[in-house]
C-alpha atoms as a PDB file:
ATOM      1  CA  UNK A   1     -21.972  48.063  96.034  1.00  0.00           C
ATOM      2  CA  UNK A   2     -21.282  45.985  99.103  1.00  0.00           C
ATOM      3  CA  UNK A   3     -21.306  47.756 102.247  1.00  0.00           C
ATOM      4  CA  UNK A   4     -20.921  44.641 104.958  1.00  0.00           C
ATOM      5  CA  UNK A   5     -17.402  43.835 105.322  1.00  0.00           C
ATOM      6  CA  UNK A   6     -16.983  39.870 105.570  1.00  0.00           C
ATOM      7  CA  UNK A   7     -15.857  38.170 108.622  1.00  0.00           C
ATOM      8  CA  UNK A   8     -13.998  35.337 107.143  1.00  0.00           C
ATOM      9  CA  UNK A   9     -11.567  34.619 104.273  1.00  0.00           C
ATOM     10  CA  UNK A  10     -13.786  32.528 102.410  1.00  0.00           C
ATOM     11  CA  UNK A  11     -16.741  35.376 102.554  1.00  0.00           C
ATOM     12  CA  UNK A  12     -13.877  37.899 101.612  1.00  0.00           C
ATOM     13  CA  UNK A  13     -12.789  35.548  98.445  1.00  0.00           C
ATOM     14  CA  UNK A  14     -16.616  34.843  97.527  1.00  0.00           C
ATOM     15  CA  UNK A  15     -17.499  38.733  97.648  1.00  0.00           C
ATOM     16  CA  UNK A  16     -14.427  39.577  95.657  1.00  0.00           C
ATOM     17  CA  UNK A  17     -15.574  36.905  93.230  1.00  0.00           C
ATOM     18  CA  UNK A  18     -18.996  38.159  92.789  1.00  0.00           C
ATOM     19  CA  UNK A  19     -17.634  41.807  92.510  1.00  0.00           C
ATOM     20  CA  UNK A  20     -15.568  40.685  89.559  1.00  0.00           C
ATOM     21  CA  UNK A  21     -18.352  38.788  87.864  1.00  0.00           C
ATOM     22  CA  UNK A  22     -18.088  39.129  84.110  1.00  0.00           C
ATOM     23  CA  UNK A  23     -14.181  40.129  84.106  1.00  0.00           C
ATOM     24  CA  UNK A  24     -11.762  37.703  82.510  1.00  0.00           C
ATOM     25  CA  UNK A  25     -11.422  34.374  84.049  1.00  0.00           C
ATOM     26  CA  UNK A  26      -7.602  34.608  84.296  1.00  0.00           C
ATOM     27  CA  UNK A  27      -7.702  37.920  85.944  1.00  0.00           C
ATOM     28  CA  UNK A  28     -10.083  36.809  88.457  1.00  0.00           C
ATOM     29  CA  UNK A  29      -7.951  33.736  89.375  1.00  0.00           C
ATOM     30  CA  UNK A  30      -4.813  35.927  89.895  1.00  0.00           C
ATOM     31  CA  UNK A  31      -7.023  38.728  91.989  1.00  0.00           C
ATOM     32  CA  UNK A  32      -8.275  35.659  94.103  1.00  0.00           C
ATOM     33  CA  UNK A  33      -4.737  34.422  94.450  1.00  0.00           C
ATOM     34  CA  UNK A  34      -3.324  37.894  95.744  1.00  0.00           C
ATOM     35  CA  UNK A  35      -6.151  38.267  97.984  1.00  0.00           C
ATOM     36  CA  UNK A  36      -6.108  34.871  99.811  1.00  0.00           C
ATOM     37  CA  UNK A  37      -2.112  34.945 100.015  1.00  0.00           C
ATOM     38  CA  UNK A  38      -2.241  38.277 101.567  1.00  0.00           C
ATOM     39  CA  UNK A  39      -5.175  37.626 104.051  1.00  0.00           C
ATOM     40  CA  UNK A  40      -3.633  34.336 105.573  1.00  0.00           C
ATOM     41  CA  UNK A  41      -0.217  36.000 105.567  1.00  0.00           C
ATOM     42  CA  UNK A  42      -1.810  38.725 107.868  1.00  0.00           C
ATOM     43  CA  UNK A  43      -3.807  36.104 109.812  1.00  0.00           C
ATOM     44  CA  UNK A  44      -0.482  34.134 110.426  1.00  0.00           C
ATOM     45  CA  UNK A  45       1.551  37.248 111.156  1.00  0.00           C
ATOM     46  CA  UNK A  46      -1.169  38.222 114.028  1.00  0.00           C
ATOM     47  CA  UNK A  47      -2.309  34.788 115.701  1.00  0.00           C
ATOM     48  CA  UNK A  48      -3.905  36.668 118.511  1.00  0.00           C
ATOM     49  CA  UNK A  49      -6.319  37.920 116.420  1.00  0.00           C
ATOM     50  CA  UNK A  50      -9.645  36.526 114.902  1.00  0.00           C
ATOM     51  CA  UNK A  51     -10.390  36.411 110.885  1.00  0.00           C
ATOM     52  CA  UNK A  52     -12.805  39.411 111.401  1.00  0.00           C
ATOM     53  CA  UNK A  53     -10.686  41.255 112.948  1.00  0.00           C
ATOM     54  CA  UNK A  54      -7.779  40.866 110.496  1.00  0.00           C
ATOM     55  CA  UNK A  55      -9.972  41.526 107.461  1.00  0.00           C
ATOM     56  CA  UNK A  56     -11.243  44.754 109.282  1.00  0.00           C
ATOM     57  CA  UNK A  57      -7.641  45.846 109.711  1.00  0.00           C
ATOM     58  CA  UNK A  58      -6.748  45.035 106.201  1.00  0.00           C
ATOM     59  CA  UNK A  59      -9.509  46.478 104.469  1.00  0.00           C
ATOM     60  CA  UNK A  60      -7.919  49.886 105.254  1.00  0.00           C
ATOM     61  CA  UNK A  61      -4.880  49.021 103.251  1.00  0.00           C
ATOM     62  CA  UNK A  62      -5.521  46.326 101.169  1.00  0.00           C
ATOM     63  CA  UNK A  63      -9.176  47.322 100.643  1.00  0.00           C
ATOM     64  CA  UNK A  64     -12.670  45.770 100.611  1.00  0.00           C
ATOM     65  CA  UNK A  65     -13.887  43.353  98.043  1.00  0.00           C
ATOM     66  CA  UNK A  66     -15.652  45.854  95.892  1.00  0.00           C
ATOM     67  CA  UNK A  67     -12.571  48.354  96.192  1.00  0.00           C
ATOM     68  CA  UNK A  68      -9.967  45.304  95.215  1.00  0.00           C
ATOM     69  CA  UNK A  69     -12.377  44.501  92.340  1.00  0.00           C
ATOM     70  CA  UNK A  70     -12.136  48.175  90.799  1.00  0.00           C
ATOM     71  CA  UNK A  71      -8.369  48.168  91.243  1.00  0.00           C
ATOM     72  CA  UNK A  72      -7.870  44.861  89.643  1.00  0.00           C
ATOM     73  CA  UNK A  73     -10.423  46.069  86.643  1.00  0.00           C
ATOM     74  CA  UNK A  74      -8.565  49.389  86.204  1.00  0.00           C
ATOM     75  CA  UNK A  75      -5.222  47.848  86.156  1.00  0.00           C
ATOM     76  CA  UNK A  76      -6.366  45.306  83.702  1.00  0.00           C
ATOM     77  CA  UNK A  77      -7.486  47.577  81.181  1.00  0.00           C
ATOM     78  CA  UNK A  78      -4.106  49.779  81.294  1.00  0.00           C
ATOM     79  CA  UNK A  79      -1.956  46.735  80.849  1.00  0.00           C
ATOM     80  CA  UNK A  80      -4.204  45.221  78.048  1.00  0.00           C
ATOM     81  CA  UNK A  81      -4.170  48.807  76.176  1.00  0.00           C
ATOM     82  CA  UNK A  82      -0.405  49.124  76.562  1.00  0.00           C
ATOM     83  CA  UNK A  83       0.037  45.440  75.254  1.00  0.00           C
ATOM     84  CA  UNK A  84      -2.307  46.079  72.612  1.00  0.00           C
ATOM     85  CA  UNK A  85      -0.690  45.726  68.937  1.00  0.00           C
ATOM     86  CA  UNK A  86      -0.768  49.238  66.865  1.00  0.00           C
ATOM     87  CA  UNK A  87      -3.195  47.743  64.182  1.00  0.00           C
ATOM     88  CA  UNK A  88      -5.726  47.703  66.905  1.00  0.00           C
ATOM     89  CA  UNK A  89      -5.422  51.499  67.992  1.00  0.00           C
ATOM     90  CA  UNK A  90      -7.698  53.025  65.646  1.00  0.00           C
ATOM     91  CA  UNK A  91     -10.352  55.460  65.353  1.00  0.00           C
ATOM     92  CA  UNK A  92     -13.643  53.557  66.568  1.00  0.00           C
ATOM     93  CA  UNK A  93     -15.813  55.519  64.126  1.00  0.00           C
ATOM     94  CA  UNK A  94     -14.043  54.582  61.019  1.00  0.00           C
ATOM     95  CA  UNK A  95     -12.531  51.225  61.807  1.00  0.00           C
ATOM     96  CA  UNK A  96     -10.182  49.566  59.591  1.00  0.00           C
ATOM     97  CA  UNK A  97     -10.033  49.841  56.089  1.00  0.00           C
ATOM     98  CA  UNK A  98     -10.305  46.679  53.703  1.00  0.00           C
ATOM     99  CA  UNK A  99      -6.716  47.087  52.680  1.00  0.00           C
ATOM    100  CA  UNK A 100      -5.860  47.125  56.581  1.00  0.00           C
ATOM    101  CA  UNK A 101      -7.852  44.209  57.239  1.00  0.00           C
ATOM    102  CA  UNK A 102      -6.029  42.230  54.474  1.00  0.00           C
ATOM    103  CA  UNK A 103      -2.578  43.228  54.776  1.00  0.00           C
ATOM    104  CA  UNK A 104      -2.304  44.580  58.215  1.00  0.00           C
ATOM    105  CA  UNK A 105      -1.650  41.119  58.930  1.00  0.00           C
ATOM    106  CA  UNK A 106       1.976  41.877  58.098  1.00  0.00           C
ATOM    107  CA  UNK A 107       2.542  44.402  60.911  1.00  0.00           C
ATOM    108  CA  UNK A 108       0.369  42.632  63.628  1.00  0.00           C
ATOM    109  CA  UNK A 109       2.785  41.533  66.081  1.00  0.00           C
ATOM    110  CA  UNK A 110       0.102  38.619  67.537  1.00  0.00           C
ATOM    111  CA  UNK A 111       0.528  37.426  63.759  1.00  0.00           C
ATOM    112  CA  UNK A 112       4.170  36.392  64.073  1.00  0.00           C
ATOM    113  CA  UNK A 113       3.757  35.250  67.724  1.00  0.00           C
ATOM    114  CA  UNK A 114       1.055  32.955  66.400  1.00  0.00           C
ATOM    115  CA  UNK A 115       3.379  31.982  63.465  1.00  0.00           C
ATOM    116  CA  UNK A 116       6.319  31.071  66.030  1.00  0.00           C
ATOM    117  CA  UNK A 117       4.133  29.216  68.448  1.00  0.00           C
ATOM    118  CA  UNK A 118       2.806  27.038  65.397  1.00  0.00           C
ATOM    119  CA  UNK A 119       6.299  26.182  64.569  1.00  0.00           C
ATOM    120  CA  UNK A 120       7.072  25.566  68.296  1.00  0.00           C
ATOM    121  CA  UNK A 121       4.064  23.452  68.927  1.00  0.00           C
ATOM    122  CA  UNK A 122       5.571  20.288  67.494  1.00  0.00           C
ATOM    123  CA  UNK A 123       7.947  20.156  70.356  1.00  0.00           C
ATOM    124  CA  UNK A 124       5.674  21.172  73.125  1.00  0.00           C
ATOM    125  CA  UNK A 125       2.753  18.738  71.759  1.00  0.00           C
ATOM    126  CA  UNK A 126       5.370  15.704  71.695  1.00  0.00           C
ATOM    127  CA  UNK A 127       6.734  16.616  75.083  1.00  0.00           C
ATOM    128  CA  UNK A 128       2.761  17.445  76.766  1.00  0.00           C
ATOM    129  CA  UNK A 129       1.548  14.216  75.049  1.00  0.00           C
ATOM    130  CA  UNK A 130       4.494  12.099  76.352  1.00  0.00           C
ATOM    131  CA  UNK A 131       4.501  13.440  79.802  1.00  0.00           C
ATOM    132  CA  UNK A 132       0.914  12.836  80.139  1.00  0.00           C
ATOM    133  CA  UNK A 133       0.700   9.370  78.808  1.00  0.00           C
ATOM    134  CA  UNK A 134       3.914   8.197  80.592  1.00  0.00           C
ATOM    135  CA  UNK A 135       2.861   9.666  84.010  1.00  0.00           C
ATOM    136  CA  UNK A 136      -0.649   8.316  83.635  1.00  0.00           C
ATOM    137  CA  UNK A 137       0.499   4.907  82.711  1.00  0.00           C
ATOM    138  CA  UNK A 138       3.357   5.154  85.733  1.00  0.00           C
ATOM    139  CA  UNK A 139       0.662   6.089  88.212  1.00  0.00           C
ATOM    140  CA  UNK A 140      -1.426   3.265  87.149  1.00  0.00           C
ATOM    141  CA  UNK A 141       1.385   0.708  87.603  1.00  0.00           C
ATOM    142  CA  UNK A 142       2.505   1.944  90.793  1.00  0.00           C
ATOM    143  CA  UNK A 143      -0.811   2.299  92.244  1.00  0.00           C
ATOM    144  CA  UNK A 144      -0.657  -1.113  93.837  1.00  0.00           C
ATOM    145  CA  UNK A 145       2.604  -0.351  95.782  1.00  0.00           C
ATOM    146  CA  UNK A 146       3.369   1.923  98.772  1.00  0.00           C
ATOM    147  CA  UNK A 147       5.146   4.491  96.331  1.00  0.00           C
ATOM    148  CA  UNK A 148       2.024   4.734  94.131  1.00  0.00           C
ATOM    149  CA  UNK A 149       0.281   7.527  96.013  1.00  0.00           C
ATOM    150  CA  UNK A 150       3.196  10.044  96.253  1.00  0.00           C
ATOM    151  CA  UNK A 151       3.922   9.581  92.680  1.00  0.00           C
ATOM    152  CA  UNK A 152       0.551  10.224  91.469  1.00  0.00           C
ATOM    153  CA  UNK A 153       0.570  13.445  93.544  1.00  0.00           C
ATOM    154  CA  UNK A 154       3.736  14.486  92.323  1.00  0.00           C
ATOM    155  CA  UNK A 155       2.874  14.005  88.979  1.00  0.00           C
ATOM    156  CA  UNK A 156      -0.327  16.106  89.027  1.00  0.00           C
ATOM    157  CA  UNK A 157       1.386  18.644  91.258  1.00  0.00           C
ATOM    158  CA  UNK A 158       4.069  19.021  88.265  1.00  0.00           C
ATOM    159  CA  UNK A 159       1.185  18.898  85.447  1.00  0.00           C
ATOM    160  CA  UNK A 160      -0.144  21.901  87.178  1.00  0.00           C
ATOM    161  CA  UNK A 161       3.016  23.817  87.160  1.00  0.00           C
ATOM    162  CA  UNK A 162       3.460  22.867  83.845  1.00  0.00           C
ATOM    163  CA  UNK A 163       0.023  24.484  83.129  1.00  0.00           C
ATOM    164  CA  UNK A 164       1.266  27.639  84.288  1.00  0.00           C
ATOM    165  CA  UNK A 165       4.119  27.473  81.926  1.00  0.00           C
ATOM    166  CA  UNK A 166       2.086  26.913  78.876  1.00  0.00           C
ATOM    167  CA  UNK A 167      -0.059  29.523  79.877  1.00  0.00           C
ATOM    168  CA  UNK A 168       2.655  31.855  79.960  1.00  0.00           C
ATOM    169  CA  UNK A 169       3.542  30.905  76.406  1.00  0.00           C
ATOM    170  CA  UNK A 170      -0.032  31.623  75.171  1.00  0.00           C
ATOM    171  CA  UNK A 171      -0.220  34.842  76.935  1.00  0.00           C
ATOM    172  CA  UNK A 172       3.005  35.982  75.396  1.00  0.00           C
ATOM    173  CA  UNK A 173       2.728  34.550  71.878  1.00  0.00           C
ATOM    174  CA  UNK A 174      -0.982  34.361  71.388  1.00  0.00           C
ATOM    175  CA  UNK A 175      -2.023  37.537  73.364  1.00  0.00           C
ATOM    176  CA  UNK A 176      -4.537  35.452  75.205  1.00  0.00           C
ATOM    177  CA  UNK A 177      -4.694  36.529  78.874  1.00  0.00           C
ATOM    178  CA  UNK A 178      -3.849  33.758  81.163  1.00  0.00           C
ATOM    179  CA  UNK A 179      -3.243  33.060  84.906  1.00  0.00           C
ATOM    180  CA  UNK A 180      -0.024  34.908  86.225  1.00  0.00           C
ATOM    181  CA  UNK A 181      -0.102  33.150  89.465  1.00  0.00           C
ATOM    182  CA  UNK A 182      -0.445  29.397  90.336  1.00  0.00           C
ATOM    183  CA  UNK A 183      -3.435  27.783  92.087  1.00  0.00           C
ATOM    184  CA  UNK A 184      -3.308  28.745  95.776  1.00  0.00           C
ATOM    185  CA  UNK A 185      -3.135  26.156  98.523  1.00  0.00           C
ATOM    186  CA  UNK A 186      -3.732  26.858 101.938  1.00  0.00           C
ATOM    187  CA  UNK A 187      -0.592  24.981 103.829  1.00  0.00           C
ATOM    188  CA  UNK A 188      -2.518  25.167 107.110  1.00  0.00           C
ATOM    189  CA  UNK A 189      -5.441  22.815 105.743  1.00  0.00           C
ATOM    190  CA  UNK A 190      -4.697  18.996 106.300  1.00  0.00           C
ATOM    191  CA  UNK A 191      -2.492  17.364 103.492  1.00  0.00           C
ATOM    192  CA  UNK A 192      -5.189  14.905 102.545  1.00  0.00           C
ATOM    193  CA  UNK A 193      -7.706  17.854 102.198  1.00  0.00           C
ATOM    194  CA  UNK A 194      -5.446  19.651  99.744  1.00  0.00           C
ATOM    195  CA  UNK A 195      -4.671  16.372  97.877  1.00  0.00           C
ATOM    196  CA  UNK A 196      -8.458  16.031  97.114  1.00  0.00           C
ATOM    197  CA  UNK A 197      -9.001  19.582  96.351  1.00  0.00           C
ATOM    198  CA  UNK A 198      -6.195  19.048  93.784  1.00  0.00           C
ATOM    199  CA  UNK A 199      -8.105  16.063  92.123  1.00  0.00           C
ATOM    200  CA  UNK A 200     -11.398  17.443  92.580  1.00  0.00           C
ATOM    201  CA  UNK A 201     -10.302  20.618  90.599  1.00  0.00           C
ATOM    202  CA  UNK A 202     -11.896  20.603  86.996  1.00  0.00           C
ATOM    203  CA  UNK A 203      -8.819  22.635  85.821  1.00  0.00           C
ATOM    204  CA  UNK A 204      -6.467  19.481  86.539  1.00  0.00           C
ATOM    205  CA  UNK A 205      -8.278  17.147  84.257  1.00  0.00           C
ATOM    206  CA  UNK A 206      -8.827  20.145  81.584  1.00  0.00           C
ATOM    207  CA  UNK A 207      -4.759  20.216  81.702  1.00  0.00           C
ATOM    208  CA  UNK A 208      -4.781  16.780  80.842  1.00  0.00           C
ATOM    209  CA  UNK A 209      -6.996  17.004  78.441  1.00  0.00           C
ATOM    210  CA  UNK A 210      -5.135  19.874  76.997  1.00  0.00           C
ATOM    211  CA  UNK A 211      -1.834  18.053  76.983  1.00  0.00           C
ATOM    212  CA  UNK A 212      -3.250  15.346  75.027  1.00  0.00           C
ATOM    213  CA  UNK A 213      -4.767  17.453  72.431  1.00  0.00           C
ATOM    214  CA  UNK A 214      -1.488  19.178  72.148  1.00  0.00           C
ATOM    215  CA  UNK A 215       0.057  16.328  70.032  1.00  0.00           C
ATOM    216  CA  UNK A 216      -2.742  16.242  66.975  1.00  0.00           C
ATOM    217  CA  UNK A 217      -2.959  20.353  67.232  1.00  0.00           C
ATOM    218  CA  UNK A 218       0.727  20.735  67.309  1.00  0.00           C
ATOM    219  CA  UNK A 219       1.057  18.505  64.245  1.00  0.00           C
ATOM    220  CA  UNK A 220      -1.659  20.145  62.652  1.00  0.00           C
ATOM    221  CA  UNK A 221       0.179  23.784  63.343  1.00  0.00           C
ATOM    222  CA  UNK A 222       3.374  22.830  62.423  1.00  0.00           C
ATOM    223  CA  UNK A 223       2.575  21.067  59.276  1.00  0.00           C
ATOM    224  CA  UNK A 224       0.243  24.216  57.906  1.00  0.00           C
ATOM    225  CA  UNK A 225       3.084  26.484  59.280  1.00  0.00           C
ATOM    226  CA  UNK A 226       6.140  24.898  57.191  1.00  0.00           C
ATOM    227  CA  UNK A 227       4.114  23.820  54.310  1.00  0.00           C
ATOM    228  CA  UNK A 228       2.875  27.480  53.732  1.00  0.00           C
ATOM    229  CA  UNK A 229       5.983  29.349  54.559  1.00  0.00           C
ATOM    230  CA  UNK A 230       8.006  27.093  52.463  1.00  0.00           C
ATOM    231  CA  UNK A 231       5.741  27.343  49.408  1.00  0.00           C
ATOM    232  CA  UNK A 232       5.327  30.888  49.573  1.00  0.00           C
ATOM    233  CA  UNK A 233       9.049  31.618  49.922  1.00  0.00           C
ATOM    234  CA  UNK A 234       9.953  29.043  47.071  1.00  0.00           C
ATOM    235  CA  UNK A 235       7.647  30.674  44.589  1.00  0.00           C
ATOM    236  CA  UNK A 236       8.820  34.304  45.670  1.00  0.00           C
ATOM    237  CA  UNK A 237      12.451  33.572  45.355  1.00  0.00           C
ATOM    238  CA  UNK A 238      12.998  30.853  42.979  1.00  0.00           C
ATOM    239  CA  UNK A 239      12.410  33.158  39.466  1.00  0.00           C
ATOM    240  CA  UNK A 240      15.173  35.319  41.323  1.00  0.00           C
ATOM    241  CA  UNK A 241      17.385  32.260  41.969  1.00  0.00           C
ATOM    242  CA  UNK A 242      16.896  31.119  38.423  1.00  0.00           C
ATOM    243  CA  UNK A 243      18.414  34.125  37.154  1.00  0.00           C
ATOM    244  CA  UNK A 244      21.631  33.027  38.577  1.00  0.00           C
ATOM    245  CA  UNK A 245      21.476  29.395  38.482  1.00  0.00           C
ATOM    246  CA  UNK A 246      20.425  27.346  35.670  1.00  0.00           C
ATOM    247  CA  UNK A 247      19.832  24.232  37.927  1.00  0.00           C
ATOM    248  CA  UNK A 248      16.644  25.765  39.333  1.00  0.00           C
ATOM    249  CA  UNK A 249      13.391  24.726  38.082  1.00  0.00           C
ATOM    250  CA  UNK A 250      10.379  26.966  39.103  1.00  0.00           C
ATOM    251  CA  UNK A 251       7.327  24.960  37.670  1.00  0.00           C
ATOM    252  CA  UNK A 252       7.930  21.515  35.925  1.00  0.00           C
ATOM    253  CA  UNK A 253       5.409  20.064  33.820  1.00  0.00           C
ATOM    254  CA  UNK A 254       6.282  16.881  31.840  1.00  0.00           C
ATOM    255  CA  UNK A 255       9.742  17.390  32.717  1.00  0.00           C
ATOM    256  CA  UNK A 256       9.980  20.936  31.041  1.00  0.00           C
ATOM    257  CA  UNK A 257      10.659  24.075  32.953  1.00  0.00           C
ATOM    258  CA  UNK A 258       7.523  26.215  31.869  1.00  0.00           C
ATOM    259  CA  UNK A 259       8.532  29.447  33.500  1.00  0.00           C
ATOM    260  CA  UNK A 260      12.028  29.465  32.439  1.00  0.00           C
ATOM    261  CA  UNK A 261      10.872  29.109  28.826  1.00  0.00           C
ATOM    262  CA  UNK A 262       7.944  31.644  29.272  1.00  0.00           C
ATOM    263  CA  UNK A 263       9.750  34.603  31.361  1.00  0.00           C
ATOM    264  CA  UNK A 264       6.452  36.321  31.365  1.00  0.00           C
ATOM    265  CA  UNK A 265       5.051  33.757  33.756  1.00  0.00           C
ATOM    266  CA  UNK A 266       7.849  35.049  36.278  1.00  0.00           C
ATOM    267  CA  UNK A 267       6.076  38.069  38.057  1.00  0.00           C
ATOM    268  CA  UNK A 268       2.583  35.777  38.332  1.00  0.00           C
ATOM    269  CA  UNK A 269       4.631  32.957  40.264  1.00  0.00           C
ATOM    270  CA  UNK A 270       6.066  35.866  42.368  1.00  0.00           C
ATOM    271  CA  UNK A 271       2.626  37.268  42.986  1.00  0.00           C
ATOM    272  CA  UNK A 272       1.320  33.740  43.740  1.00  0.00           C
ATOM    273  CA  UNK A 273       3.822  33.576  46.341  1.00  0.00           C
ATOM    274  CA  UNK A 274       3.019  36.594  47.707  1.00  0.00           C
ATOM    275  CA  UNK A 275      -0.643  35.528  48.085  1.00  0.00           C
ATOM    276  CA  UNK A 276       0.266  32.130  49.554  1.00  0.00           C
ATOM    277  CA  UNK A 277       2.230  34.063  52.152  1.00  0.00           C
ATOM    278  CA  UNK A 278      -0.682  36.173  53.028  1.00  0.00           C
ATOM    279  CA  UNK A 279      -3.046  33.330  53.411  1.00  0.00           C
ATOM    280  CA  UNK A 280      -0.447  31.783  55.627  1.00  0.00           C
ATOM    281  CA  UNK A 281      -0.208  35.056  57.800  1.00  0.00           C
ATOM    282  CA  UNK A 282      -4.137  34.819  58.167  1.00  0.00           C
ATOM    283  CA  UNK A 283      -4.458  31.515  58.973  1.00  0.00           C
ATOM    284  CA  UNK A 284      -1.697  32.038  61.691  1.00  0.00           C
ATOM    285  CA  UNK A 285      -3.446  34.662  63.352  1.00  0.00           C
ATOM    286  CA  UNK A 286      -6.734  32.893  63.011  1.00  0.00           C
ATOM    287  CA  UNK A 287      -5.251  29.792  64.474  1.00  0.00           C
ATOM    288  CA  UNK A 288      -3.536  31.861  67.368  1.00  0.00           C
ATOM    289  CA  UNK A 289      -6.929  33.102  68.236  1.00  0.00           C
ATOM    290  CA  UNK A 290      -8.638  29.814  68.271  1.00  0.00           C
ATOM    291  CA  UNK A 291      -5.816  28.132  70.277  1.00  0.00           C
ATOM    292  CA  UNK A 292      -6.083  30.985  72.802  1.00  0.00           C
ATOM    293  CA  UNK A 293      -9.703  30.157  73.222  1.00  0.00           C
ATOM    294  CA  UNK A 294      -9.072  26.433  73.700  1.00  0.00           C
ATOM    295  CA  UNK A 295      -6.053  27.115  76.405  1.00  0.00           C
ATOM    296  CA  UNK A 296      -8.514  29.511  78.195  1.00  0.00           C
ATOM    297  CA  UNK A 297     -11.288  26.974  78.401  1.00  0.00           C
ATOM    298  CA  UNK A 298      -9.127  24.076  79.392  1.00  0.00           C
ATOM    299  CA  UNK A 299      -6.445  25.727  81.559  1.00  0.00           C
ATOM    300  CA  UNK A 300      -8.310  28.553  83.352  1.00  0.00           C
ATOM    301  CA  UNK A 301     -12.147  28.137  83.344  1.00  0.00           C
ATOM    302  CA  UNK A 302     -13.871  26.059  85.877  1.00  0.00           C
END
């Protein structure tokens, strides 16, 4: 554990980052944002004190870097435990049974969140792709004019805000821990330095890549979800509807309704629909986990 208290804010943040090494990247992001915001607010409120004096005063209330890191780790464990789906709360020695692994997907809230995200992704994917392509095109076109630089800065800044919004959607629906704070920007730094930091930040370009990828990914997610759900529901409920309507054809071969002419096939068709639904739910949960990793690496990690 570190015993020497840092004397500058950058040194405090570097020590805090080192103390949080190995923790979730999104949690580290939030911890650094909170610490820097608090320290700079205290520094601004005490103009007669140096950074070292302010940090020494703050250490007794906010905490030294090691102490703050321990608090964030403990809080994160408690929050993640509280948010964990019921299916994951099981005895470690036994673990989930084979049947729980197969059918537990129906009681896993993350599965339904992932399924809804897949259906929503067609809209968000089109929006993000259009936003990125249109903004980049206008930025290039306006670069020769005096309003070009302000437009580019506004476009990049707004994109970073959209990344935060997308991160909240990913965390709520997919369960992947994402930043809950925006990227901190010290208003006391020169404007050009803040603009330069925004363009040299790898997360800015990761966000652009993520937004471009969201169109093909959104189309794939939406197609898989709609095809799987519609096929499953059609197979499961069409035999029941055919009992009250003569116009419903379940399975047609050569223009002949095979199932209606052979009623013993009805349970098989319903079972096939359930199997398709089960597979769709598993694919949705797998896709949610995969997309969460994509979002984490492009929107968070440096």
